[in-house]
Amino acid sequence: MAEITIKRVYDPYEEADGYRVLVDRLWPRGIKKEDAHLSAWEKEVAPSSELRKSFNHKPELFGIFREKYLIELRTQTDKIHKMEELYEISKKQKLTLLYAAKDTVNNHAIVLLEELLRKVK
């Protein structure tokens, strides 16, 4: 069974995180690459720059953002392929999706997690 979780990239590294993949388009501020303990950085699966900027981390816009991001995840070939790769990794080892947003409830990693878990079912 696939085990997929999300975590802020600023949270402490744990060996139990398994395969750690940054799913943000931009590199997180204040983090050195060697301190991130990344297995991969998959910018391609992040929301488009246009969508990210229109959302601007405003909780009241999250519903609209979520709908538009799901459309991107389900229709854009590069995102579909990256999600398939991540899903395959999750079948072999724990997968931790890392994100930088301060809001732990209204962010793209939650939407990505839901979409990946939908594949599992």
N, C-alpha and C. Protein backbone atom coordinates (compact mmCIF):
# COMPACT_ATOMS: atom_id res chain seq x y z
N MET A 1 0.84 -1.18 0.00
CA MET A 1 0.00 0.00 0.00
C MET A 1 0.88 1.24 0.00
N ALA A 2 0.53 2.18 -0.79
CA ALA A 2 1.30 3.42 -0.91
C ALA A 2 1.14 4.27 0.35
N GLU A 3 2.25 4.78 0.86
CA GLU A 3 2.21 5.70 1.98
C GLU A 3 2.74 7.05 1.49
N ILE A 4 1.85 8.04 1.51
CA ILE A 4 2.21 9.38 1.04
C ILE A 4 1.80 10.38 2.11
N THR A 5 2.72 11.25 2.46
CA THR A 5 2.44 12.29 3.45
C THR A 5 2.93 13.64 2.92
N ILE A 6 2.55 14.69 3.62
CA ILE A 6 3.07 16.02 3.30
C ILE A 6 3.72 16.61 4.54
N LYS A 7 4.62 17.54 4.29
CA LYS A 7 5.37 18.15 5.39
C LYS A 7 5.97 19.46 4.89
N ARG A 8 6.05 20.43 5.78
CA ARG A 8 6.73 21.68 5.41
C ARG A 8 8.22 21.41 5.28
N VAL A 9 8.84 21.98 4.29
CA VAL A 9 10.26 21.79 4.06
C VAL A 9 11.07 22.37 5.22
N TYR A 10 10.47 23.28 5.97
CA TYR A 10 11.14 23.90 7.12
C TYR A 10 11.10 23.02 8.37
N ASP A 11 10.25 22.00 8.37
CA ASP A 11 10.20 21.08 9.50
C ASP A 11 11.47 20.23 9.51
N PRO A 12 11.85 19.74 10.68
CA PRO A 12 13.10 18.96 10.76
C PRO A 12 13.07 17.71 9.88
N TYR A 13 14.22 17.41 9.31
CA TYR A 13 14.41 16.19 8.53
C TYR A 13 14.30 14.99 9.45
N GLU A 14 13.62 13.96 8.96
CA GLU A 14 13.55 12.69 9.67
C GLU A 14 13.82 11.58 8.67
N GLU A 15 14.62 10.63 9.06
CA GLU A 15 14.92 9.51 8.17
C GLU A 15 13.64 8.77 7.77
N ALA A 16 12.66 8.78 8.67
CA ALA A 16 11.38 8.11 8.41
C ALA A 16 10.57 8.79 7.31
N ASP A 17 10.99 9.97 6.84
CA ASP A 17 10.30 10.66 5.75
C ASP A 17 10.36 9.85 4.46
N GLY A 18 11.36 9.00 4.33
CA GLY A 18 11.51 8.22 3.10
C GLY A 18 11.97 9.10 1.95
N TYR A 19 11.32 8.96 0.82
CA TYR A 19 11.65 9.72 -0.39
C TYR A 19 11.07 11.12 -0.25
N ARG A 20 11.94 12.11 -0.10
CA ARG A 20 11.52 13.50 0.14
C ARG A 20 11.58 14.28 -1.16
N VAL A 21 10.43 14.78 -1.58
CA VAL A 21 10.36 15.51 -2.84
C VAL A 21 9.74 16.89 -2.63
N LEU A 22 10.48 17.90 -3.03
CA LEU A 22 9.97 19.27 -2.99
C LEU A 22 9.04 19.45 -4.17
N VAL A 23 7.81 19.90 -3.89
CA VAL A 23 6.80 20.04 -4.95
C VAL A 23 6.44 21.51 -5.19
N ASP A 24 7.35 22.41 -4.87
CA ASP A 24 7.17 23.84 -5.13
C ASP A 24 7.90 24.23 -6.40
N ARG A 25 7.38 25.22 -7.10
CA ARG A 25 8.02 25.72 -8.30
C ARG A 25 9.26 26.56 -7.96
N LEU A 26 9.19 27.28 -6.83
CA LEU A 26 10.29 28.16 -6.41
C LEU A 26 11.03 27.52 -5.23
N TRP A 27 12.33 27.79 -5.17
CA TRP A 27 13.12 27.27 -4.05
C TRP A 27 12.72 28.03 -2.78
N PRO A 28 12.52 27.32 -1.66
CA PRO A 28 12.10 27.97 -0.41
C PRO A 28 13.18 28.89 0.17
N ARG A 29 12.74 30.02 0.65
CA ARG A 29 13.67 31.00 1.22
C ARG A 29 14.33 30.46 2.48
N GLY A 30 15.62 30.79 2.61
CA GLY A 30 16.35 30.48 3.83
C GLY A 30 16.76 29.03 4.00
N ILE A 31 16.57 28.21 2.99
CA ILE A 31 16.93 26.78 3.07
C ILE A 31 18.12 26.53 2.14
N LYS A 32 19.17 25.96 2.68
CA LYS A 32 20.30 25.54 1.84
C LYS A 32 19.95 24.19 1.23
N LYS A 33 20.35 23.97 0.01
CA LYS A 33 20.00 22.72 -0.68
C LYS A 33 20.47 21.50 0.11
N GLU A 34 21.65 21.57 0.68
CA GLU A 34 22.15 20.41 1.43
C GLU A 34 21.38 20.18 2.73
N ASP A 35 20.77 21.23 3.27
CA ASP A 35 19.99 21.09 4.51
C ASP A 35 18.57 20.57 4.25
N ALA A 36 18.12 20.59 3.02
CA ALA A 36 16.76 20.15 2.69
C ALA A 36 16.62 18.63 2.64
N HIS A 37 17.75 17.92 2.48
CA HIS A 37 17.73 16.45 2.43
C HIS A 37 16.73 15.94 1.40
N LEU A 38 16.78 16.51 0.19
CA LEU A 38 15.83 16.13 -0.85
C LEU A 38 16.28 14.90 -1.61
N SER A 39 15.30 14.10 -1.98
CA SER A 39 15.53 13.03 -2.94
C SER A 39 15.33 13.58 -4.34
N ALA A 40 14.41 14.56 -4.47
CA ALA A 40 14.12 15.17 -5.77
C ALA A 40 13.43 16.51 -5.58
N TRP A 41 13.49 17.32 -6.61
CA TRP A 41 12.75 18.57 -6.67
C TRP A 41 11.93 18.52 -7.95
N GLU A 42 10.63 18.35 -7.82
CA GLU A 42 9.74 18.19 -8.97
C GLU A 42 8.92 19.44 -9.19
N LYS A 43 9.52 20.45 -9.79
CA LYS A 43 8.85 21.72 -10.08
C LYS A 43 7.65 21.52 -11.00
N GLU A 44 7.76 20.53 -11.88
CA GLU A 44 6.75 20.32 -12.92
C GLU A 44 5.37 20.02 -12.35
N VAL A 45 5.31 19.43 -11.16
CA VAL A 45 4.03 19.05 -10.59
C VAL A 45 3.40 20.20 -9.79
N ALA A 46 4.14 21.26 -9.58
CA ALA A 46 3.63 22.43 -8.84
C ALA A 46 2.61 23.18 -9.70
N PRO A 47 1.78 23.99 -9.06
CA PRO A 47 0.83 24.81 -9.83
C PRO A 47 1.59 25.74 -10.79
N SER A 48 0.96 26.08 -11.89
CA SER A 48 1.57 27.03 -12.83
C SER A 48 1.85 28.35 -12.11
N SER A 49 2.79 29.09 -12.61
CA SER A 49 3.12 30.39 -12.01
C SER A 49 1.90 31.30 -11.99
N GLU A 50 1.15 31.28 -13.07
CA GLU A 50 -0.06 32.11 -13.16
C GLU A 50 -1.06 31.75 -12.05
N LEU A 51 -1.29 30.47 -11.86
CA LEU A 51 -2.23 30.01 -10.84
C LEU A 51 -1.70 30.33 -9.44
N ARG A 52 -0.42 30.09 -9.22
CA ARG A 52 0.20 30.37 -7.92
C ARG A 52 0.07 31.84 -7.56
N LYS A 53 0.33 32.71 -8.53
CA LYS A 53 0.25 34.16 -8.28
C LYS A 53 -1.18 34.61 -8.04
N SER A 54 -2.14 34.02 -8.75
CA SER A 54 -3.54 34.44 -8.56
C SER A 54 -4.07 33.99 -7.20
N PHE A 55 -3.59 32.87 -6.69
CA PHE A 55 -3.99 32.38 -5.37
C PHE A 55 -3.35 33.23 -4.27
N ASN A 56 -2.06 33.46 -4.39
CA ASN A 56 -1.30 34.31 -3.47
C ASN A 56 -1.52 33.91 -2.00
N HIS A 57 -1.75 32.65 -1.74
CA HIS A 57 -1.90 32.10 -0.38
C HIS A 57 -3.01 32.76 0.42
N LYS A 58 -4.07 33.18 -0.26
CA LYS A 58 -5.22 33.76 0.43
C LYS A 58 -6.24 32.65 0.67
N PRO A 59 -6.50 32.33 1.94
CA PRO A 59 -7.42 31.22 2.25
C PRO A 59 -8.78 31.33 1.58
N GLU A 60 -9.28 32.55 1.41
CA GLU A 60 -10.60 32.73 0.81
C GLU A 60 -10.61 32.35 -0.68
N LEU A 61 -9.44 32.26 -1.29
CA LEU A 61 -9.34 31.88 -2.71
C LEU A 61 -8.99 30.40 -2.89
N PHE A 62 -8.85 29.67 -1.79
CA PHE A 62 -8.37 28.30 -1.89
C PHE A 62 -9.31 27.40 -2.69
N GLY A 63 -10.62 27.55 -2.53
CA GLY A 63 -11.57 26.71 -3.26
C GLY A 63 -11.41 26.84 -4.76
N ILE A 64 -11.31 28.06 -5.24
CA ILE A 64 -11.12 28.31 -6.68
C ILE A 64 -9.75 27.79 -7.12
N PHE A 65 -8.73 28.07 -6.30
CA PHE A 65 -7.38 27.59 -6.60
C PHE A 65 -7.37 26.07 -6.71
N ARG A 66 -8.00 25.39 -5.75
CA ARG A 66 -8.03 23.93 -5.74
C ARG A 66 -8.65 23.39 -7.03
N GLU A 67 -9.77 23.94 -7.44
CA GLU A 67 -10.43 23.49 -8.67
C GLU A 67 -9.53 23.66 -9.88
N LYS A 68 -8.89 24.83 -9.99
CA LYS A 68 -8.03 25.09 -11.14
C LYS A 68 -6.77 24.23 -11.12
N TYR A 69 -6.23 24.00 -9.92
CA TYR A 69 -5.04 23.15 -9.82
C TYR A 69 -5.38 21.71 -10.17
N LEU A 70 -6.53 21.23 -9.75
CA LEU A 70 -6.95 19.87 -10.13
C LEU A 70 -7.07 19.74 -11.64
N ILE A 71 -7.57 20.77 -12.28
CA ILE A 71 -7.66 20.74 -13.75
C ILE A 71 -6.26 20.62 -14.35
N GLU A 72 -5.32 21.41 -13.81
CA GLU A 72 -3.93 21.31 -14.30
C GLU A 72 -3.39 19.91 -14.09
N LEU A 73 -3.59 19.35 -12.90
CA LEU A 73 -3.06 18.02 -12.59
C LEU A 73 -3.65 16.93 -13.47
N ARG A 74 -4.88 17.13 -13.88
CA ARG A 74 -5.57 16.08 -14.66
C ARG A 74 -5.47 16.26 -16.17
N THR A 75 -4.99 17.42 -16.62
CA THR A 75 -4.97 17.68 -18.07
C THR A 75 -3.59 17.99 -18.64
N GLN A 76 -2.66 18.42 -17.83
CA GLN A 76 -1.34 18.79 -18.35
C GLN A 76 -0.42 17.57 -18.33
N THR A 77 0.06 17.22 -19.49
CA THR A 77 0.85 16.00 -19.67
C THR A 77 2.04 15.92 -18.73
N ASP A 78 2.79 17.01 -18.58
CA ASP A 78 3.97 16.97 -17.71
C ASP A 78 3.58 16.70 -16.26
N LYS A 79 2.48 17.26 -15.81
CA LYS A 79 2.03 17.02 -14.44
C LYS A 79 1.51 15.58 -14.27
N ILE A 80 0.81 15.09 -15.27
CA ILE A 80 0.31 13.71 -15.22
C ILE A 80 1.47 12.73 -15.11
N HIS A 81 2.51 12.93 -15.92
CA HIS A 81 3.68 12.03 -15.89
C HIS A 81 4.41 12.10 -14.56
N LYS A 82 4.58 13.29 -14.02
CA LYS A 82 5.26 13.43 -12.73
C LYS A 82 4.45 12.78 -11.62
N MET A 83 3.14 12.93 -11.67
CA MET A 83 2.30 12.28 -10.65
C MET A 83 2.40 10.76 -10.75
N GLU A 84 2.46 10.24 -11.97
CA GLU A 84 2.62 8.80 -12.15
C GLU A 84 3.95 8.33 -11.57
N GLU A 85 5.01 9.11 -11.80
CA GLU A 85 6.32 8.77 -11.24
C GLU A 85 6.28 8.77 -9.72
N LEU A 86 5.66 9.80 -9.14
CA LEU A 86 5.57 9.88 -7.68
C LEU A 86 4.75 8.73 -7.12
N TYR A 87 3.67 8.40 -7.79
CA TYR A 87 2.84 7.28 -7.35
C TYR A 87 3.64 5.98 -7.36
N GLU A 88 4.41 5.76 -8.41
CA GLU A 88 5.24 4.54 -8.49
C GLU A 88 6.26 4.49 -7.37
N ILE A 89 6.86 5.62 -7.05
CA ILE A 89 7.81 5.69 -5.94
C ILE A 89 7.11 5.32 -4.64
N SER A 90 5.90 5.84 -4.46
CA SER A 90 5.16 5.61 -3.21
C SER A 90 4.80 4.13 -3.01
N LYS A 91 4.78 3.36 -4.09
CA LYS A 91 4.48 1.93 -3.96
C LYS A 91 5.68 1.16 -3.42
N LYS A 92 6.87 1.77 -3.53
CA LYS A 92 8.10 1.10 -3.11
C LYS A 92 8.61 1.59 -1.76
N GLN A 93 8.30 2.86 -1.44
CA GLN A 93 8.77 3.43 -0.18
C GLN A 93 7.89 4.61 0.20
N LYS A 94 8.01 5.03 1.44
CA LYS A 94 7.24 6.18 1.89
C LYS A 94 7.63 7.40 1.07
N LEU A 95 6.63 8.18 0.69
CA LEU A 95 6.83 9.39 -0.10
C LEU A 95 6.36 10.58 0.73
N THR A 96 7.24 11.56 0.90
CA THR A 96 6.88 12.78 1.62
C THR A 96 6.97 13.96 0.66
N LEU A 97 5.83 14.61 0.46
CA LEU A 97 5.76 15.80 -0.39
C LEU A 97 6.09 17.01 0.47
N LEU A 98 7.09 17.76 0.07
CA LEU A 98 7.54 18.92 0.84
C LEU A 98 7.08 20.20 0.17
N TYR A 99 6.64 21.15 0.99
CA TYR A 99 6.18 22.44 0.49
C TYR A 99 6.65 23.52 1.46
N ALA A 100 6.66 24.77 1.01
CA ALA A 100 7.17 25.87 1.83
C ALA A 100 6.09 26.76 2.43
N ALA A 101 4.87 26.68 1.95
CA ALA A 101 3.80 27.59 2.41
C ALA A 101 3.64 27.54 3.92
N LYS A 102 3.35 28.71 4.50
CA LYS A 102 3.12 28.79 5.95
C LYS A 102 1.79 28.14 6.33
N ASP A 103 0.80 28.28 5.47
CA ASP A 103 -0.53 27.74 5.73
C ASP A 103 -0.51 26.23 5.53
N THR A 104 -0.73 25.50 6.61
CA THR A 104 -0.68 24.04 6.52
C THR A 104 -2.02 23.42 6.12
N VAL A 105 -3.04 24.26 5.92
CA VAL A 105 -4.37 23.78 5.56
C VAL A 105 -4.73 24.12 4.12
N ASN A 106 -4.37 25.31 3.68
CA ASN A 106 -4.73 25.79 2.34
C ASN A 106 -3.48 25.93 1.49
N ASN A 107 -3.02 24.82 0.95
CA ASN A 107 -1.84 24.87 0.10
C ASN A 107 -1.91 23.80 -0.99
N HIS A 108 -1.09 23.94 -1.99
CA HIS A 108 -1.15 23.04 -3.15
C HIS A 108 -0.73 21.61 -2.82
N ALA A 109 0.14 21.42 -1.83
CA ALA A 109 0.59 20.07 -1.49
C ALA A 109 -0.58 19.20 -1.01
N ILE A 110 -1.54 19.82 -0.33
CA ILE A 110 -2.72 19.08 0.13
C ILE A 110 -3.53 18.59 -1.07
N VAL A 111 -3.68 19.44 -2.07
CA VAL A 111 -4.42 19.08 -3.27
C VAL A 111 -3.69 17.96 -4.01
N LEU A 112 -2.37 18.10 -4.13
CA LEU A 112 -1.56 17.08 -4.78
C LEU A 112 -1.65 15.75 -4.03
N LEU A 113 -1.58 15.80 -2.72
CA LEU A 113 -1.71 14.59 -1.90
C LEU A 113 -3.06 13.92 -2.16
N GLU A 114 -4.14 14.68 -2.13
CA GLU A 114 -5.47 14.13 -2.38
C GLU A 114 -5.54 13.46 -3.75
N GLU A 115 -4.94 14.09 -4.74
CA GLU A 115 -4.99 13.55 -6.10
C GLU A 115 -4.17 12.26 -6.19
N LEU A 116 -3.02 12.22 -5.55
CA LEU A 116 -2.21 11.00 -5.55
C LEU A 116 -2.92 9.88 -4.79
N LEU A 117 -3.54 10.20 -3.67
CA LEU A 117 -4.26 9.18 -2.90
C LEU A 117 -5.49 8.68 -3.66
N ARG A 118 -6.06 9.52 -4.50
CA ARG A 118 -7.19 9.10 -5.33
C ARG A 118 -6.75 8.00 -6.29
N LYS A 119 -5.50 8.05 -6.75
CA LYS A 119 -4.98 7.02 -7.63
C LYS A 119 -4.83 5.69 -6.89
N VAL A 120 -4.55 5.78 -5.60
CA VAL A 120 -4.33 4.58 -4.79
C VAL A 120 -5.62 3.77 -4.66
N LYS A 121 -6.75 4.47 -4.58
CA LYS A 121 -8.03 3.79 -4.33
C LYS A 121 -8.56 3.06 -5.54
